[in-house]
Amino acid sequence: MKQALFQAVILKGKSRHGKNRIQQHGDQWFVEEFGKFNGEDAMILRSERRTFKLGDNWIRDSRWVLLRDDPDFLYFN
């Protein structure tokens, strides 16, 4: 599935870890960057909502998701 920068994607948790992240940060994410994570093709996603508290500020969560066979997430356009 071809993705574009800043495109919205829907995440679905596969593992317990992934399901917990969806519960915490929501299922709507945006593609920020493409690159490699542990030698695998991947994308950095940013959560739609500000759900992570850093000091006095609420910020968006970011995470790497593998483009193929991610152990924690499935993604959809």
PDB file of N, CA and C in Angstrom:
ATOM      1  N   MET A   1       0.849  -1.176   0.000  1.00  0.00           N
ATOM      2  CA  MET A   1       0.000   0.000   0.000  1.00  0.00           C
ATOM      3  C   MET A   1       0.898   1.243   0.000  1.00  0.00           C
ATOM      4  N   LYS A   2       0.789   2.063  -1.003  1.00  0.00           N
ATOM      5  CA  LYS A   2       1.611   3.264  -1.145  1.00  0.00           C
ATOM      6  C   LYS A   2       1.080   4.366  -0.230  1.00  0.00           C
ATOM      7  N   GLN A   3       1.970   4.976   0.520  1.00  0.00           N
ATOM      8  CA  GLN A   3       1.613   6.064   1.426  1.00  0.00           C
ATOM      9  C   GLN A   3       2.286   7.347   0.954  1.00  0.00           C
ATOM     10  N   ALA A   4       1.739   8.496   1.327  1.00  0.00           N
ATOM     11  CA  ALA A   4       2.311   9.794   0.988  1.00  0.00           C
ATOM     12  C   ALA A   4       2.525  10.581   2.273  1.00  0.00           C
ATOM     13  N   LEU A   5       3.494  11.491   2.246  1.00  0.00           N
ATOM     14  CA  LEU A   5       3.730  12.333   3.412  1.00  0.00           C
ATOM     15  C   LEU A   5       2.466  13.094   3.783  1.00  0.00           C
ATOM     16  N   PHE A   6       2.226  13.201   5.059  1.00  0.00           N
ATOM     17  CA  PHE A   6       1.102  13.921   5.664  1.00  0.00           C
ATOM     18  C   PHE A   6      -0.251  13.265   5.392  1.00  0.00           C
ATOM     19  N   GLN A   7      -0.248  12.103   4.774  1.00  0.00           N
ATOM     20  CA  GLN A   7      -1.480  11.364   4.543  1.00  0.00           C
ATOM     21  C   GLN A   7      -1.996  10.805   5.867  1.00  0.00           C
ATOM     22  N   ALA A   8      -3.301  10.807   6.038  1.00  0.00           N
ATOM     23  CA  ALA A   8      -3.912  10.216   7.226  1.00  0.00           C
ATOM     24  C   ALA A   8      -3.971   8.704   7.055  1.00  0.00           C
ATOM     25  N   VAL A   9      -3.654   7.985   8.113  1.00  0.00           N
ATOM     26  CA  VAL A   9      -3.790   6.534   8.126  1.00  0.00           C
ATOM     27  C   VAL A   9      -4.526   6.125   9.396  1.00  0.00           C
ATOM     28  N   ILE A  10      -5.189   4.999   9.329  1.00  0.00           N
ATOM     29  CA  ILE A  10      -5.862   4.427  10.495  1.00  0.00           C
ATOM     30  C   ILE A  10      -5.010   3.258  10.969  1.00  0.00           C
ATOM     31  N   LEU A  11      -4.656   3.261  12.242  1.00  0.00           N
ATOM     32  CA  LEU A  11      -3.900   2.160  12.828  1.00  0.00           C
ATOM     33  C   LEU A  11      -4.844   1.211  13.553  1.00  0.00           C
ATOM     34  N   LYS A  12      -4.518  -0.053  13.477  1.00  0.00           N
ATOM     35  CA  LYS A  12      -5.226  -1.072  14.249  1.00  0.00           C
ATOM     36  C   LYS A  12      -4.166  -1.894  14.970  1.00  0.00           C
ATOM     37  N   GLY A  13      -4.355  -2.109  16.263  1.00  0.00           N
ATOM     38  CA  GLY A  13      -3.389  -2.865  17.040  1.00  0.00           C
ATOM     39  C   GLY A  13      -3.448  -4.354  16.753  1.00  0.00           C
ATOM     40  N   LYS A  14      -2.276  -4.979  16.591  1.00  0.00           N
ATOM     41  CA  LYS A  14      -2.184  -6.429  16.414  1.00  0.00           C
ATOM     42  C   LYS A  14      -1.809  -7.094  17.741  1.00  0.00           C
ATOM     43  N   SER A  15      -0.813  -6.527  18.392  1.00  0.00           N
ATOM     44  CA  SER A  15      -0.319  -7.073  19.656  1.00  0.00           C
ATOM     45  C   SER A  15      -0.948  -6.317  20.827  1.00  0.00           C
ATOM     46  N   ARG A  16      -0.704  -6.804  22.008  1.00  0.00           N
ATOM     47  CA  ARG A  16      -1.182  -6.089  23.201  1.00  0.00           C
ATOM     48  C   ARG A  16      -0.594  -4.680  23.247  1.00  0.00           C
ATOM     49  N   HIS A  17       0.690  -4.564  22.942  1.00  0.00           N
ATOM     50  CA  HIS A  17       1.363  -3.260  22.920  1.00  0.00           C
ATOM     51  C   HIS A  17       0.668  -2.315  21.934  1.00  0.00           C
ATOM     52  N   GLY A  18       0.411  -2.797  20.711  1.00  0.00           N
ATOM     53  CA  GLY A  18      -0.242  -1.973  19.704  1.00  0.00           C
ATOM     54  C   GLY A  18      -1.640  -1.556  20.114  1.00  0.00           C
ATOM     55  N   LYS A  19      -2.400  -2.478  20.675  1.00  0.00           N
ATOM     56  CA  LYS A  19      -3.759  -2.166  21.118  1.00  0.00           C
ATOM     57  C   LYS A  19      -3.750  -1.131  22.236  1.00  0.00           C
ATOM     58  N   ASN A  20      -2.770  -1.216  23.136  1.00  0.00           N
ATOM     59  CA  ASN A  20      -2.655  -0.215  24.205  1.00  0.00           C
ATOM     60  C   ASN A  20      -2.338   1.163  23.647  1.00  0.00           C
ATOM     61  N   ARG A  21      -1.440   1.239  22.628  1.00  0.00           N
ATOM     62  CA  ARG A  21      -1.103   2.536  22.033  1.00  0.00           C
ATOM     63  C   ARG A  21      -2.321   3.141  21.346  1.00  0.00           C
ATOM     64  N   ILE A  22      -3.142   2.328  20.680  1.00  0.00           N
ATOM     65  CA  ILE A  22      -4.355   2.835  20.032  1.00  0.00           C
ATOM     66  C   ILE A  22      -5.324   3.360  21.092  1.00  0.00           C
ATOM     67  N   GLN A  23      -5.451   2.645  22.190  1.00  0.00           N
ATOM     68  CA  GLN A  23      -6.336   3.093  23.270  1.00  0.00           C
ATOM     69  C   GLN A  23      -5.851   4.425  23.844  1.00  0.00           C
ATOM     70  N   GLN A  24      -4.546   4.593  23.985  1.00  0.00           N
ATOM     71  CA  GLN A  24      -3.989   5.818  24.565  1.00  0.00           C
ATOM     72  C   GLN A  24      -4.031   7.008  23.616  1.00  0.00           C
ATOM     73  N   HIS A  25      -3.724   6.768  22.328  1.00  0.00           N
ATOM     74  CA  HIS A  25      -3.484   7.874  21.403  1.00  0.00           C
ATOM     75  C   HIS A  25      -4.455   7.948  20.235  1.00  0.00           C
ATOM     76  N   GLY A  26      -5.403   7.018  20.139  1.00  0.00           N
ATOM     77  CA  GLY A  26      -6.377   7.039  19.065  1.00  0.00           C
ATOM     78  C   GLY A  26      -5.905   6.261  17.843  1.00  0.00           C
ATOM     79  N   ASP A  27      -6.819   6.067  16.901  1.00  0.00           N
ATOM     80  CA  ASP A  27      -6.472   5.267  15.728  1.00  0.00           C
ATOM     81  C   ASP A  27      -6.138   6.111  14.500  1.00  0.00           C
ATOM     82  N   GLN A  28      -6.346   7.428  14.544  1.00  0.00           N
ATOM     83  CA  GLN A  28      -6.028   8.317  13.416  1.00  0.00           C
ATOM     84  C   GLN A  28      -4.621   8.883  13.589  1.00  0.00           C
ATOM     85  N   TRP A  29      -3.755   8.628  12.587  1.00  0.00           N
ATOM     86  CA  TRP A  29      -2.355   9.076  12.606  1.00  0.00           C
ATOM     87  C   TRP A  29      -2.011   9.694  11.258  1.00  0.00           C
ATOM     88  N   PHE A  30      -0.899  10.424  11.205  1.00  0.00           N
ATOM     89  CA  PHE A  30      -0.455  11.066   9.972  1.00  0.00           C
ATOM     90  C   PHE A  30       0.986  10.671   9.682  1.00  0.00           C
ATOM     91  N   VAL A  31       1.281  10.428   8.408  1.00  0.00           N
ATOM     92  CA  VAL A  31       2.635  10.065   7.987  1.00  0.00           C
ATOM     93  C   VAL A  31       3.507  11.312   8.030  1.00  0.00           C
ATOM     94  N   GLU A  32       4.620  11.240   8.780  1.00  0.00           N
ATOM     95  CA  GLU A  32       5.548  12.368   8.876  1.00  0.00           C
ATOM     96  C   GLU A  32       6.804  12.170   8.041  1.00  0.00           C
ATOM     97  N   GLU A  33       7.245  10.919   7.912  1.00  0.00           N
ATOM     98  CA  GLU A  33       8.535  10.677   7.258  1.00  0.00           C
ATOM     99  C   GLU A  33       8.643   9.202   6.904  1.00  0.00           C
ATOM    100  N   PHE A  34       9.441   8.909   5.883  1.00  0.00           N
ATOM    101  CA  PHE A  34       9.770   7.534   5.534  1.00  0.00           C
ATOM    102  C   PHE A  34      11.248   7.323   5.773  1.00  0.00           C
ATOM    103  N   GLY A  35      11.622   6.121   6.172  1.00  0.00           N
ATOM    104  CA  GLY A  35      13.023   5.818   6.412  1.00  0.00           C
ATOM    105  C   GLY A  35      13.189   4.355   6.755  1.00  0.00           C
ATOM    106  N   LYS A  36      14.233   4.083   7.496  1.00  0.00           N
ATOM    107  CA  LYS A  36      14.533   2.721   7.936  1.00  0.00           C
ATOM    108  C   LYS A  36      14.459   2.661   9.456  1.00  0.00           C
ATOM    109  N   PHE A  37      13.899   1.572   9.955  1.00  0.00           N
ATOM    110  CA  PHE A  37      13.880   1.295  11.393  1.00  0.00           C
ATOM    111  C   PHE A  37      14.411  -0.118  11.567  1.00  0.00           C
ATOM    112  N   ASN A  38      15.515  -0.254  12.269  1.00  0.00           N
ATOM    113  CA  ASN A  38      16.192  -1.547  12.430  1.00  0.00           C
ATOM    114  C   ASN A  38      16.436  -2.224  11.083  1.00  0.00           C
ATOM    115  N   GLY A  39      16.803  -1.431  10.069  1.00  0.00           N
ATOM    116  CA  GLY A  39      17.115  -1.950   8.750  1.00  0.00           C
ATOM    117  C   GLY A  39      15.915  -2.260   7.877  1.00  0.00           C
ATOM    118  N   GLU A  40      14.710  -2.033   8.367  1.00  0.00           N
ATOM    119  CA  GLU A  40      13.475  -2.311   7.622  1.00  0.00           C
ATOM    120  C   GLU A  40      12.848  -1.003   7.136  1.00  0.00           C
ATOM    121  N   ASP A  41      12.213  -1.031   5.957  1.00  0.00           N
ATOM    122  CA  ASP A  41      11.475   0.132   5.471  1.00  0.00           C
ATOM    123  C   ASP A  41      10.341   0.440   6.445  1.00  0.00           C
ATOM    124  N   ALA A  42      10.223   1.714   6.801  1.00  0.00           N
ATOM    125  CA  ALA A  42       9.247   2.097   7.822  1.00  0.00           C
ATOM    126  C   ALA A  42       8.812   3.539   7.601  1.00  0.00           C
ATOM    127  N   MET A  43       7.814   3.946   8.366  1.00  0.00           N
ATOM    128  CA  MET A  43       7.356   5.339   8.347  1.00  0.00           C
ATOM    129  C   MET A  43       7.186   5.809   9.785  1.00  0.00           C
ATOM    130  N   ILE A  44       7.421   7.098   9.981  1.00  0.00           N
ATOM    131  CA  ILE A  44       7.150   7.710  11.282  1.00  0.00           C
ATOM    132  C   ILE A  44       5.745   8.282  11.215  1.00  0.00           C
ATOM    133  N   LEU A  45       4.922   7.895  12.171  1.00  0.00           N
ATOM    134  CA  LEU A  45       3.551   8.395  12.251  1.00  0.00           C
ATOM    135  C   LEU A  45       3.403   9.305  13.459  1.00  0.00           C
ATOM    136  N   ARG A  46       2.520  10.307  13.329  1.00  0.00           N
ATOM    137  CA  ARG A  46       2.220  11.243  14.414  1.00  0.00           C
ATOM    138  C   ARG A  46       0.745  11.130  14.732  1.00  0.00           C
ATOM    139  N   SER A  47       0.423  11.065  16.014  1.00  0.00           N
ATOM    140  CA  SER A  47      -0.985  10.954  16.413  1.00  0.00           C
ATOM    141  C   SER A  47      -1.742  12.234  16.065  1.00  0.00           C
ATOM    142  N   GLU A  48      -3.025  12.077  15.818  1.00  0.00           N
ATOM    143  CA  GLU A  48      -3.874  13.220  15.474  1.00  0.00           C
ATOM    144  C   GLU A  48      -4.032  14.160  16.675  1.00  0.00           C
ATOM    145  N   ARG A  49      -4.223  13.575  17.838  1.00  0.00           N
ATOM    146  CA  ARG A  49      -4.495  14.375  19.041  1.00  0.00           C
ATOM    147  C   ARG A  49      -3.256  14.507  19.922  1.00  0.00           C
ATOM    148  N   ARG A  50      -3.244  15.520  20.734  1.00  0.00           N
ATOM    149  CA  ARG A  50      -2.176  15.711  21.725  1.00  0.00           C
ATOM    150  C   ARG A  50      -2.549  14.874  22.949  1.00  0.00           C
ATOM    151  N   THR A  51      -1.866  13.761  23.120  1.00  0.00           N
ATOM    152  CA  THR A  51      -2.253  12.794  24.147  1.00  0.00           C
ATOM    153  C   THR A  51      -1.131  12.458  25.114  1.00  0.00           C
ATOM    154  N   PHE A  52       0.026  13.076  24.936  1.00  0.00           N
ATOM    155  CA  PHE A  52       1.196  12.738  25.731  1.00  0.00           C
ATOM    156  C   PHE A  52       1.659  13.986  26.467  1.00  0.00           C
ATOM    157  N   LYS A  53       1.739  13.909  27.786  1.00  0.00           N
ATOM    158  CA  LYS A  53       2.112  15.085  28.573  1.00  0.00           C
ATOM    159  C   LYS A  53       3.628  15.118  28.789  1.00  0.00           C
ATOM    160  N   LEU A  54       4.227  16.238  28.422  1.00  0.00           N
ATOM    161  CA  LEU A  54       5.657  16.473  28.613  1.00  0.00           C
ATOM    162  C   LEU A  54       5.790  17.776  29.390  1.00  0.00           C
ATOM    163  N   GLY A  55       6.097  17.662  30.677  1.00  0.00           N
ATOM    164  CA  GLY A  55       6.117  18.842  31.537  1.00  0.00           C
ATOM    165  C   GLY A  55       4.702  19.378  31.670  1.00  0.00           C
ATOM    166  N   ASP A  56       4.529  20.652  31.336  1.00  0.00           N
ATOM    167  CA  ASP A  56       3.205  21.279  31.395  1.00  0.00           C
ATOM    168  C   ASP A  56       2.459  21.226  30.062  1.00  0.00           C
ATOM    169  N   ASN A  57       3.110  20.703  29.034  1.00  0.00           N
ATOM    170  CA  ASN A  57       2.530  20.721  27.685  1.00  0.00           C
ATOM    171  C   ASN A  57       2.036  19.343  27.263  1.00  0.00           C
ATOM    172  N   TRP A  58       0.963  19.333  26.491  1.00  0.00           N
ATOM    173  CA  TRP A  58       0.461  18.118  25.865  1.00  0.00           C
ATOM    174  C   TRP A  58       0.993  18.088  24.440  1.00  0.00           C
ATOM    175  N   ILE A  59       1.596  16.965  24.046  1.00  0.00           N
ATOM    176  CA  ILE A  59       2.173  16.835  22.710  1.00  0.00           C
ATOM    177  C   ILE A  59       1.597  15.608  22.013  1.00  0.00           C
ATOM    178  N   ARG A  60       1.841  15.521  20.710  1.00  0.00           N
ATOM    179  CA  ARG A  60       1.407  14.355  19.932  1.00  0.00           C
ATOM    180  C   ARG A  60       2.438  13.238  20.076  1.00  0.00           C
ATOM    181  N   ASP A  61       1.958  12.017  20.043  1.00  0.00           N
ATOM    182  CA  ASP A  61       2.844  10.863  20.085  1.00  0.00           C
ATOM    183  C   ASP A  61       3.351  10.586  18.673  1.00  0.00           C
ATOM    184  N   SER A  62       4.577  10.108  18.556  1.00  0.00           N
ATOM    185  CA  SER A  62       5.153   9.688  17.282  1.00  0.00           C
ATOM    186  C   SER A  62       5.716   8.294  17.451  1.00  0.00           C
ATOM    187  N   ARG A  63       5.659   7.520  16.365  1.00  0.00           N
ATOM    188  CA  ARG A  63       6.229   6.175  16.431  1.00  0.00           C
ATOM    189  C   ARG A  63       6.542   5.660  15.039  1.00  0.00           C
ATOM    190  N   TRP A  64       7.503   4.741  15.009  1.00  0.00           N
ATOM    191  CA  TRP A  64       7.852   4.042  13.782  1.00  0.00           C
ATOM    192  C   TRP A  64       6.869   2.893  13.571  1.00  0.00           C
ATOM    193  N   VAL A  65       6.433   2.712  12.336  1.00  0.00           N
ATOM    194  CA  VAL A  65       5.626   1.559  11.954  1.00  0.00           C
ATOM    195  C   VAL A  65       6.261   0.983  10.690  1.00  0.00           C
ATOM    196  N   LEU A  66       6.557  -0.314  10.710  1.00  0.00           N
ATOM    197  CA  LEU A  66       7.154  -0.965   9.552  1.00  0.00           C
ATOM    198  C   LEU A  66       6.152  -1.010   8.407  1.00  0.00           C
ATOM    199  N   LEU A  67       6.648  -0.821   7.180  1.00  0.00           N
ATOM    200  CA  LEU A  67       5.761  -0.859   6.020  1.00  0.00           C
ATOM    201  C   LEU A  67       5.276  -2.266   5.722  1.00  0.00           C
ATOM    202  N   ARG A  68       6.058  -3.277   6.113  1.00  0.00           N
ATOM    203  CA  ARG A  68       5.657  -4.675   5.902  1.00  0.00           C
ATOM    204  C   ARG A  68       5.843  -5.447   7.200  1.00  0.00           C
ATOM    205  N   ASP A  69       4.831  -6.174   7.580  1.00  0.00           N
ATOM    206  CA  ASP A  69       4.902  -7.107   8.707  1.00  0.00           C
ATOM    207  C   ASP A  69       5.282  -6.462  10.037  1.00  0.00           C
ATOM    208  N   ASP A  70       4.686  -5.317  10.348  1.00  0.00           N
ATOM    209  CA  ASP A  70       4.918  -4.708  11.661  1.00  0.00           C
ATOM    210  C   ASP A  70       4.335  -5.632  12.731  1.00  0.00           C
ATOM    211  N   PRO A  71       5.082  -5.888  13.811  1.00  0.00           N
ATOM    212  CA  PRO A  71       4.585  -6.817  14.835  1.00  0.00           C
ATOM    213  C   PRO A  71       3.441  -6.267  15.686  1.00  0.00           C
ATOM    214  N   ASP A  72       3.282  -4.936  15.712  1.00  0.00           N
ATOM    215  CA  ASP A  72       2.310  -4.324  16.614  1.00  0.00           C
ATOM    216  C   ASP A  72       1.102  -3.694  15.929  1.00  0.00           C
ATOM    217  N   PHE A  73       1.222  -3.307  14.646  1.00  0.00           N
ATOM    218  CA  PHE A  73       0.176  -2.531  14.000  1.00  0.00           C
ATOM    219  C   PHE A  73      -0.142  -3.001  12.583  1.00  0.00           C
ATOM    220  N   LEU A  74      -1.399  -2.819  12.210  1.00  0.00           N
ATOM    221  CA  LEU A  74      -1.850  -2.830  10.817  1.00  0.00           C
ATOM    222  C   LEU A  74      -2.224  -1.390  10.499  1.00  0.00           C
ATOM    223  N   TYR A  75      -2.066  -0.982   9.241  1.00  0.00           N
ATOM    224  CA  TYR A  75      -2.473   0.388   8.872  1.00  0.00           C
ATOM    225  C   TYR A  75      -3.291   0.352   7.598  1.00  0.00           C
ATOM    226  N   PHE A  76      -4.193   1.334   7.498  1.00  0.00           N
ATOM    227  CA  PHE A  76      -5.135   1.449   6.380  1.00  0.00           C
ATOM    228  C   PHE A  76      -5.223   2.902   5.961  1.00  0.00           C
ATOM    229  N   ASN A  77      -5.533   3.131   4.669  1.00  0.00           N
ATOM    230  CA  ASN A  77      -5.750   4.512   4.161  1.00  0.00           C
ATOM    231  C   ASN A  77      -7.077   5.020   4.655  1.00  0.00           C
TER     232      ASN A  77
END
